[in-house]
PDB file of N, CA and C in Angstrom:
ATOM      1  N   MET A   1       7.955   6.232   3.266  1.00  0.00           N
ATOM      2  CA  MET A   1       6.738   5.456   3.111  1.00  0.00           C
ATOM      3  C   MET A   1       7.135   4.033   2.736  1.00  0.00           C
ATOM      4  N   ARG A   2       6.587   3.089   3.457  1.00  0.00           N
ATOM      5  CA  ARG A   2       6.895   1.674   3.211  1.00  0.00           C
ATOM      6  C   ARG A   2       5.641   0.991   2.645  1.00  0.00           C
ATOM      7  N   PHE A   3       5.696   0.652   1.362  1.00  0.00           N
ATOM      8  CA  PHE A   3       4.577  -0.045   0.744  1.00  0.00           C
ATOM      9  C   PHE A   3       4.520  -1.474   1.250  1.00  0.00           C
ATOM     10  N   VAL A   4       3.304  -1.973   1.463  1.00  0.00           N
ATOM     11  CA  VAL A   4       3.099  -3.326   1.970  1.00  0.00           C
ATOM     12  C   VAL A   4       1.974  -4.003   1.203  1.00  0.00           C
ATOM     13  N   ARG A   5       1.986  -5.321   1.268  1.00  0.00           N
ATOM     14  CA  ARG A   5       0.887  -6.139   0.752  1.00  0.00           C
ATOM     15  C   ARG A   5       0.268  -6.791   1.984  1.00  0.00           C
ATOM     16  N   TYR A   6      -1.059  -6.739   2.072  1.00  0.00           N
ATOM     17  CA  TYR A   6      -1.710  -7.277   3.259  1.00  0.00           C
ATOM     18  C   TYR A   6      -3.022  -7.959   2.900  1.00  0.00           C
ATOM     19  N   GLU A   7      -3.453  -8.829   3.810  1.00  0.00           N
ATOM     20  CA  GLU A   7      -4.720  -9.532   3.634  1.00  0.00           C
ATOM     21  C   GLU A   7      -5.726  -8.969   4.631  1.00  0.00           C
ATOM     22  N   LEU A   8      -6.919  -8.672   4.119  1.00  0.00           N
ATOM     23  CA  LEU A   8      -8.009  -8.176   4.946  1.00  0.00           C
ATOM     24  C   LEU A   8      -9.290  -8.839   4.467  1.00  0.00           C
ATOM     25  N   ASP A   9      -9.983  -9.489   5.378  1.00  0.00           N
ATOM     26  CA  ASP A   9     -11.243 -10.169   5.050  1.00  0.00           C
ATOM     27  C   ASP A   9     -11.088 -11.142   3.882  1.00  0.00           C
ATOM     28  N   GLY A  10      -9.957 -11.835   3.832  1.00  0.00           N
ATOM     29  CA  GLY A  10      -9.749 -12.866   2.825  1.00  0.00           C
ATOM     30  C   GLY A  10      -9.258 -12.390   1.475  1.00  0.00           C
ATOM     31  N   SER A  11      -9.061 -11.083   1.289  1.00  0.00           N
ATOM     32  CA  SER A  11      -8.538 -10.620   0.008  1.00  0.00           C
ATOM     33  C   SER A  11      -7.268  -9.792   0.204  1.00  0.00           C
ATOM     34  N   CYS A  12      -6.446  -9.802  -0.833  1.00  0.00           N
ATOM     35  CA  CYS A  12      -5.139  -9.164  -0.805  1.00  0.00           C
ATOM     36  C   CYS A  12      -5.253  -7.708  -1.259  1.00  0.00           C
ATOM     37  N   HIS A  13      -4.542  -6.821  -0.563  1.00  0.00           N
ATOM     38  CA  HIS A  13      -4.555  -5.390  -0.871  1.00  0.00           C
ATOM     39  C   HIS A  13      -3.136  -4.851  -0.836  1.00  0.00           C
ATOM     40  N   LEU A  14      -2.950  -3.701  -1.484  1.00  0.00           N
ATOM     41  CA  LEU A  14      -1.690  -2.978  -1.397  1.00  0.00           C
ATOM     42  C   LEU A  14      -1.925  -1.702  -0.615  1.00  0.00           C
ATOM     43  N   GLY A  15      -0.949  -1.347   0.188  1.00  0.00           N
ATOM     44  CA  GLY A  15      -1.077  -0.139   0.990  1.00  0.00           C
ATOM     45  C   GLY A  15       0.282   0.287   1.493  1.00  0.00           C
ATOM     46  N   ALA A  16       0.258   1.070   2.561  1.00  0.00           N
ATOM     47  CA  ALA A  16       1.498   1.543   3.178  1.00  0.00           C
ATOM     48  C   ALA A  16       1.365   1.423   4.690  1.00  0.00           C
ATOM     49  N   LEU A  17       2.463   1.111   5.312  1.00  0.00           N
ATOM     50  CA  LEU A  17       2.523   1.024   6.765  1.00  0.00           C
ATOM     51  C   LEU A  17       2.695   2.436   7.309  1.00  0.00           C
ATOM     52  N   ILE A  18       1.864   2.827   8.293  1.00  0.00           N
ATOM     53  CA  ILE A  18       2.012   4.171   8.838  1.00  0.00           C
ATOM     54  C   ILE A  18       3.302   4.244   9.652  1.00  0.00           C
ATOM     55  N   PRO A  19       3.847   5.452   9.847  1.00  0.00           N
ATOM     56  CA  PRO A  19       5.176   5.588  10.457  1.00  0.00           C
ATOM     57  C   PRO A  19       5.370   4.886  11.796  1.00  0.00           C
ATOM     58  N   ASP A  20       4.347   4.856  12.653  1.00  0.00           N
ATOM     59  CA  ASP A  20       4.559   4.214  13.957  1.00  0.00           C
ATOM     60  C   ASP A  20       4.379   2.694  13.900  1.00  0.00           C
ATOM     61  N   GLY A  21       4.047   2.160  12.715  1.00  0.00           N
ATOM     62  CA  GLY A  21       3.957   0.720  12.522  1.00  0.00           C
ATOM     63  C   GLY A  21       2.745   0.051  13.142  1.00  0.00           C
ATOM     64  N   THR A  22       1.731   0.820  13.505  1.00  0.00           N
ATOM     65  CA  THR A  22       0.561   0.249  14.173  1.00  0.00           C
ATOM     66  C   THR A  22      -0.633   0.040  13.259  1.00  0.00           C
ATOM     67  N   ALA A  23      -0.536   0.506  12.021  1.00  0.00           N
ATOM     68  CA  ALA A  23      -1.675   0.403  11.107  1.00  0.00           C
ATOM     69  C   ALA A  23      -1.192   0.504   9.667  1.00  0.00           C
ATOM     70  N   VAL A  24      -2.083   0.122   8.748  1.00  0.00           N
ATOM     71  CA  VAL A  24      -1.826   0.291   7.323  1.00  0.00           C
ATOM     72  C   VAL A  24      -2.867   1.225   6.745  1.00  0.00           C
ATOM     73  N   VAL A  25      -2.539   1.796   5.615  1.00  0.00           N
ATOM     74  CA  VAL A  25      -3.475   2.638   4.889  1.00  0.00           C
ATOM     75  C   VAL A  25      -3.516   2.132   3.448  1.00  0.00           C
ATOM     76  N   ASP A  26      -4.708   1.994   2.910  1.00  0.00           N
ATOM     77  CA  ASP A  26      -4.885   1.505   1.546  1.00  0.00           C
ATOM     78  C   ASP A  26      -4.370   2.539   0.545  1.00  0.00           C
ATOM     79  N   LEU A  27      -3.925   2.069  -0.622  1.00  0.00           N
ATOM     80  CA  LEU A  27      -3.425   2.984  -1.654  1.00  0.00           C
ATOM     81  C   LEU A  27      -4.461   4.013  -2.049  1.00  0.00           C
ATOM     82  N   LYS A  28      -5.722   3.641  -2.093  1.00  0.00           N
ATOM     83  CA  LYS A  28      -6.774   4.587  -2.476  1.00  0.00           C
ATOM     84  C   LYS A  28      -6.857   5.749  -1.492  1.00  0.00           C
ATOM     85  N   GLU A  29      -6.638   5.476  -0.213  1.00  0.00           N
ATOM     86  CA  GLU A  29      -6.632   6.534   0.795  1.00  0.00           C
ATOM     87  C   GLU A  29      -5.479   7.519   0.563  1.00  0.00           C
ATOM     88  N   LEU A  30      -4.424   7.036  -0.082  1.00  0.00           N
ATOM     89  CA  LEU A  30      -3.289   7.898  -0.411  1.00  0.00           C
ATOM     90  C   LEU A  30      -3.502   8.637  -1.726  1.00  0.00           C
ATOM     91  N   GLY A  31      -4.639   8.383  -2.380  1.00  0.00           N
ATOM     92  CA  GLY A  31      -4.958   9.064  -3.623  1.00  0.00           C
ATOM     93  C   GLY A  31      -4.585   8.301  -4.881  1.00  0.00           C
ATOM     94  N   ILE A  32      -4.111   7.080  -4.732  1.00  0.00           N
ATOM     95  CA  ILE A  32      -3.744   6.268  -5.900  1.00  0.00           C
ATOM     96  C   ILE A  32      -4.985   5.502  -6.341  1.00  0.00           C
ATOM     97  N   GLU A  33      -5.609   5.983  -7.399  1.00  0.00           N
ATOM     98  CA  GLU A  33      -6.872   5.412  -7.863  1.00  0.00           C
ATOM     99  C   GLU A  33      -6.691   4.218  -8.790  1.00  0.00           C
ATOM    100  N   LYS A  34      -5.544   4.161  -9.479  1.00  0.00           N
ATOM    101  CA  LYS A  34      -5.309   3.060 -10.410  1.00  0.00           C
ATOM    102  C   LYS A  34      -5.233   1.751  -9.629  1.00  0.00           C
ATOM    103  N   GLU A  35      -5.836   0.697 -10.180  1.00  0.00           N
ATOM    104  CA  GLU A  35      -5.812  -0.625  -9.549  1.00  0.00           C
ATOM    105  C   GLU A  35      -4.510  -1.337  -9.914  1.00  0.00           C
ATOM    106  N   TYR A  36      -3.697  -1.596  -8.920  1.00  0.00           N
ATOM    107  CA  TYR A  36      -2.482  -2.382  -9.122  1.00  0.00           C
ATOM    108  C   TYR A  36      -2.749  -3.764  -8.555  1.00  0.00           C
ATOM    109  N   SER A  37      -2.528  -4.788  -9.356  1.00  0.00           N
ATOM    110  CA  SER A  37      -2.872  -6.154  -8.951  1.00  0.00           C
ATOM    111  C   SER A  37      -1.879  -6.755  -7.969  1.00  0.00           C
ATOM    112  N   ASP A  38      -0.638  -6.273  -8.010  1.00  0.00           N
ATOM    113  CA  ASP A  38       0.384  -6.797  -7.111  1.00  0.00           C
ATOM    114  C   ASP A  38       1.507  -5.777  -6.977  1.00  0.00           C
ATOM    115  N   MET A  39       2.459  -6.078  -6.126  1.00  0.00           N
ATOM    116  CA  MET A  39       3.547  -5.137  -5.856  1.00  0.00           C
ATOM    117  C   MET A  39       4.417  -4.906  -7.090  1.00  0.00           C
ATOM    118  N   ILE A  40       4.612  -5.938  -7.903  1.00  0.00           N
ATOM    119  CA  ILE A  40       5.419  -5.770  -9.112  1.00  0.00           C
ATOM    120  C   ILE A  40       4.755  -4.779 -10.059  1.00  0.00           C
ATOM    121  N   SER A  41       3.440  -4.899 -10.251  1.00  0.00           N
ATOM    122  CA  SER A  41       2.755  -3.954 -11.134  1.00  0.00           C
ATOM    123  C   SER A  41       2.792  -2.543 -10.550  1.00  0.00           C
ATOM    124  N   LEU A  42       2.754  -2.419  -9.229  1.00  0.00           N
ATOM    125  CA  LEU A  42       2.880  -1.102  -8.592  1.00  0.00           C
ATOM    126  C   LEU A  42       4.267  -0.521  -8.868  1.00  0.00           C
ATOM    127  N   ILE A  43       5.296  -1.316  -8.633  1.00  0.00           N
ATOM    128  CA  ILE A  43       6.674  -0.848  -8.843  1.00  0.00           C
ATOM    129  C   ILE A  43       6.901  -0.448 -10.300  1.00  0.00           C
ATOM    130  N   GLN A  44       6.390  -1.258 -11.221  1.00  0.00           N
ATOM    131  CA  GLN A  44       6.613  -0.992 -12.642  1.00  0.00           C
ATOM    132  C   GLN A  44       5.699   0.096 -13.199  1.00  0.00           C
ATOM    133  N   GLY A  45       4.512   0.277 -12.584  1.00  0.00           N
ATOM    134  CA  GLY A  45       3.539   1.145 -13.217  1.00  0.00           C
ATOM    135  C   GLY A  45       3.227   2.461 -12.547  1.00  0.00           C
ATOM    136  N   ILE A  46       3.639   2.642 -11.295  1.00  0.00           N
ATOM    137  CA  ILE A  46       3.271   3.876 -10.605  1.00  0.00           C
ATOM    138  C   ILE A  46       3.990   5.066 -11.239  1.00  0.00           C
ATOM    139  N   SER A  47       3.248   6.133 -11.441  1.00  0.00           N
ATOM    140  CA  SER A  47       3.820   7.314 -12.072  1.00  0.00           C
ATOM    141  C   SER A  47       4.409   8.251 -11.026  1.00  0.00           C
ATOM    142  N   GLN A  48       5.237   9.159 -11.485  1.00  0.00           N
ATOM    143  CA  GLN A  48       5.822  10.159 -10.599  1.00  0.00           C
ATOM    144  C   GLN A  48       4.727  11.006  -9.962  1.00  0.00           C
ATOM    145  N   ASP A  49       3.691  11.326 -10.747  1.00  0.00           N
ATOM    146  CA  ASP A  49       2.580  12.117 -10.209  1.00  0.00           C
ATOM    147  C   ASP A  49       1.846  11.376  -9.102  1.00  0.00           C
ATOM    148  N   GLU A  50       1.651  10.061  -9.287  1.00  0.00           N
ATOM    149  CA  GLU A  50       0.995   9.263  -8.245  1.00  0.00           C
ATOM    150  C   GLU A  50       1.845   9.215  -6.979  1.00  0.00           C
ATOM    151  N   LEU A  51       3.151   9.068  -7.142  1.00  0.00           N
ATOM    152  CA  LEU A  51       4.041   9.044  -5.984  1.00  0.00           C
ATOM    153  C   LEU A  51       4.008  10.373  -5.235  1.00  0.00           C
ATOM    154  N   LEU A  52       4.020  11.467  -5.968  1.00  0.00           N
ATOM    155  CA  LEU A  52       3.966  12.791  -5.341  1.00  0.00           C
ATOM    156  C   LEU A  52       2.646  12.995  -4.605  1.00  0.00           C
ATOM    157  N   LEU A  53       1.545  12.562  -5.223  1.00  0.00           N
ATOM    158  CA  LEU A  53       0.237  12.663  -4.581  1.00  0.00           C
ATOM    159  C   LEU A  53       0.187  11.824  -3.313  1.00  0.00           C
ATOM    160  N   ALA A  54       0.686  10.589  -3.396  1.00  0.00           N
ATOM    161  CA  ALA A  54       0.714   9.709  -2.224  1.00  0.00           C
ATOM    162  C   ALA A  54       1.553  10.319  -1.110  1.00  0.00           C
ATOM    163  N   GLU A  55       2.684  10.892  -1.469  1.00  0.00           N
ATOM    164  CA  GLU A  55       3.566  11.520  -0.473  1.00  0.00           C
ATOM    165  C   GLU A  55       2.870  12.715   0.187  1.00  0.00           C
ATOM    166  N   ARG A  56       2.186  13.522  -0.606  1.00  0.00           N
ATOM    167  CA  ARG A  56       1.450  14.670  -0.058  1.00  0.00           C
ATOM    168  C   ARG A  56       0.371  14.191   0.908  1.00  0.00           C
ATOM    169  N   ASN A  57      -0.401  13.181   0.478  1.00  0.00           N
ATOM    170  CA  ASN A  57      -1.470  12.655   1.330  1.00  0.00           C
ATOM    171  C   ASN A  57      -0.914  11.943   2.557  1.00  0.00           C
ATOM    172  N   TRP A  58       0.260  11.346   2.420  1.00  0.00           N
ATOM    173  CA  TRP A  58       0.914  10.644   3.516  1.00  0.00           C
ATOM    174  C   TRP A  58       1.165  11.592   4.688  1.00  0.00           C
ATOM    175  N   HIS A  59       1.516  12.821   4.354  1.00  0.00           N
ATOM    176  CA  HIS A  59       1.843  13.803   5.387  1.00  0.00           C
ATOM    177  C   HIS A  59       0.621  14.566   5.881  1.00  0.00           C
ATOM    178  N   SER A  60      -0.532  14.314   5.264  1.00  0.00           N
ATOM    179  CA  SER A  60      -1.755  14.939   5.770  1.00  0.00           C
ATOM    180  C   SER A  60      -2.333  14.047   6.861  1.00  0.00           C
ATOM    181  N   ASN A  61      -3.446  14.414   7.379  1.00  0.00           N
ATOM    182  CA  ASN A  61      -4.054  13.662   8.476  1.00  0.00           C
ATOM    183  C   ASN A  61      -4.819  12.468   7.909  1.00  0.00           C
ATOM    184  N   LEU A  62      -4.203  11.286   7.907  1.00  0.00           N
ATOM    185  CA  LEU A  62      -4.847  10.074   7.402  1.00  0.00           C
ATOM    186  C   LEU A  62      -5.918   9.629   8.383  1.00  0.00           C
ATOM    187  N   THR A  63      -7.134   9.442   7.887  1.00  0.00           N
ATOM    188  CA  THR A  63      -8.232   9.081   8.781  1.00  0.00           C
ATOM    189  C   THR A  63      -8.689   7.641   8.615  1.00  0.00           C
ATOM    190  N   LYS A  64      -8.468   7.044   7.463  1.00  0.00           N
ATOM    191  CA  LYS A  64      -8.963   5.687   7.216  1.00  0.00           C
ATOM    192  C   LYS A  64      -7.835   4.663   7.281  1.00  0.00           C
ATOM    193  N   THR A  65      -7.233   4.581   8.443  1.00  0.00           N
ATOM    194  CA  THR A  65      -6.186   3.573   8.637  1.00  0.00           C
ATOM    195  C   THR A  65      -6.821   2.294   9.176  1.00  0.00           C
ATOM    196  N   ILE A  66      -6.138   1.188   8.959  1.00  0.00           N
ATOM    197  CA  ILE A  66      -6.606  -0.119   9.424  1.00  0.00           C
ATOM    198  C   ILE A  66      -5.600  -0.631  10.450  1.00  0.00           C
ATOM    199  N   PRO A  67      -6.037  -0.862  11.682  1.00  0.00           N
ATOM    200  CA  PRO A  67      -5.101  -1.354  12.707  1.00  0.00           C
ATOM    201  C   PRO A  67      -4.418  -2.644  12.263  1.00  0.00           C
ATOM    202  N   LEU A  68      -3.149  -2.747  12.586  1.00  0.00           N
ATOM    203  CA  LEU A  68      -2.353  -3.903  12.189  1.00  0.00           C
ATOM    204  C   LEU A  68      -2.943  -5.210  12.694  1.00  0.00           C
ATOM    205  N   GLU A  69      -3.636  -5.170  13.826  1.00  0.00           N
ATOM    206  CA  GLU A  69      -4.247  -6.382  14.387  1.00  0.00           C
ATOM    207  C   GLU A  69      -5.357  -6.943  13.485  1.00  0.00           C
ATOM    208  N   GLN A  70      -5.898  -6.107  12.590  1.00  0.00           N
ATOM    209  CA  GLN A  70      -7.000  -6.538  11.720  1.00  0.00           C
ATOM    210  C   GLN A  70      -6.533  -7.079  10.376  1.00  0.00           C
ATOM    211  N   VAL A  71      -5.242  -6.971  10.107  1.00  0.00           N
ATOM    212  CA  VAL A  71      -4.716  -7.425   8.814  1.00  0.00           C
ATOM    213  C   VAL A  71      -3.610  -8.445   9.032  1.00  0.00           C
ATOM    214  N   LYS A  72      -3.308  -9.155   7.969  1.00  0.00           N
ATOM    215  CA  LYS A  72      -2.158 -10.056   7.969  1.00  0.00           C
ATOM    216  C   LYS A  72      -1.183  -9.510   6.937  1.00  0.00           C
ATOM    217  N   LEU A  73       0.005  -9.108   7.383  1.00  0.00           N
ATOM    218  CA  LEU A  73       1.014  -8.641   6.439  1.00  0.00           C
ATOM    219  C   LEU A  73       1.535  -9.831   5.651  1.00  0.00           C
ATOM    220  N   LEU A  74       1.682  -9.634   4.348  1.00  0.00           N
ATOM    221  CA  LEU A  74       2.140 -10.690   3.445  1.00  0.00           C
ATOM    222  C   LEU A  74       3.506 -10.317   2.881  1.00  0.00           C
ATOM    223  N   ALA A  75       4.162 -11.282   2.278  1.00  0.00           N
ATOM    224  CA  ALA A  75       5.415 -10.983   1.579  1.00  0.00           C
ATOM    225  C   ALA A  75       5.123  -9.913   0.533  1.00  0.00           C
ATOM    226  N   PRO A  76       5.986  -8.918   0.409  1.00  0.00           N
ATOM    227  CA  PRO A  76       5.697  -7.823  -0.534  1.00  0.00           C
ATOM    228  C   PRO A  76       5.484  -8.310  -1.966  1.00  0.00           C
ATOM    229  N   ILE A  77       6.304  -9.263  -2.374  1.00  0.00           N
ATOM    230  CA  ILE A  77       6.203  -9.789  -3.742  1.00  0.00           C
ATOM    231  C   ILE A  77       5.909 -11.276  -3.639  1.00  0.00           C
ATOM    232  N   GLU A  78       4.723 -11.644  -4.114  1.00  0.00           N
ATOM    233  CA  GLU A  78       4.277 -13.039  -4.001  1.00  0.00           C
ATOM    234  C   GLU A  78       5.167 -13.983  -4.806  1.00  0.00           C
ATOM    235  N   ARG A  79       5.392 -13.635  -6.066  1.00  0.00           N
ATOM    236  CA  ARG A  79       6.216 -14.468  -6.941  1.00  0.00           C
ATOM    237  C   ARG A  79       7.260 -13.576  -7.630  1.00  0.00           C
ATOM    238  N   PRO A  80       8.488 -13.562  -7.096  1.00  0.00           N
ATOM    239  CA  PRO A  80       9.515 -12.704  -7.676  1.00  0.00           C
ATOM    240  C   PRO A  80       9.795 -13.058  -9.146  1.00  0.00           C
ATOM    241  N   ILE A  81      10.114 -12.051  -9.909  1.00  0.00           N
ATOM    242  CA  ILE A  81      10.498 -12.256 -11.310  1.00  0.00           C
ATOM    243  C   ILE A  81      11.962 -12.670 -11.318  1.00  0.00           C
ATOM    244  N   HIS A  82      12.242 -13.773 -11.990  1.00  0.00           N
ATOM    245  CA  HIS A  82      13.634 -14.241 -12.096  1.00  0.00           C
ATOM    246  C   HIS A  82      14.114 -14.056 -13.522  1.00  0.00           C
ATOM    247  N   ASP A  83      15.435 -13.832 -13.659  1.00  0.00           N
ATOM    248  CA  ASP A  83      16.024 -13.688 -15.006  1.00  0.00           C
ATOM    249  C   ASP A  83      16.064 -15.012 -15.717  1.00  0.00           C
TER     250      ASP A  83
END
């Protein structure tokens, strides 16, 4: 599963790119209900249970995908944390 940050209708979202690379799926569709504001907060805050749930849902029949043509893929991390 490849997590991505994307823009849809002028706002930024986190999701995952589907395996064939033709669409994205929002984190909520994967069962991740917690609001993560950016990729860093997702990386630092996602729990093992959330990852397992997302993985289980990833392999089920995803119905609410968004075609790649409708979104703009963004850099995964907007402002990297530097030491």
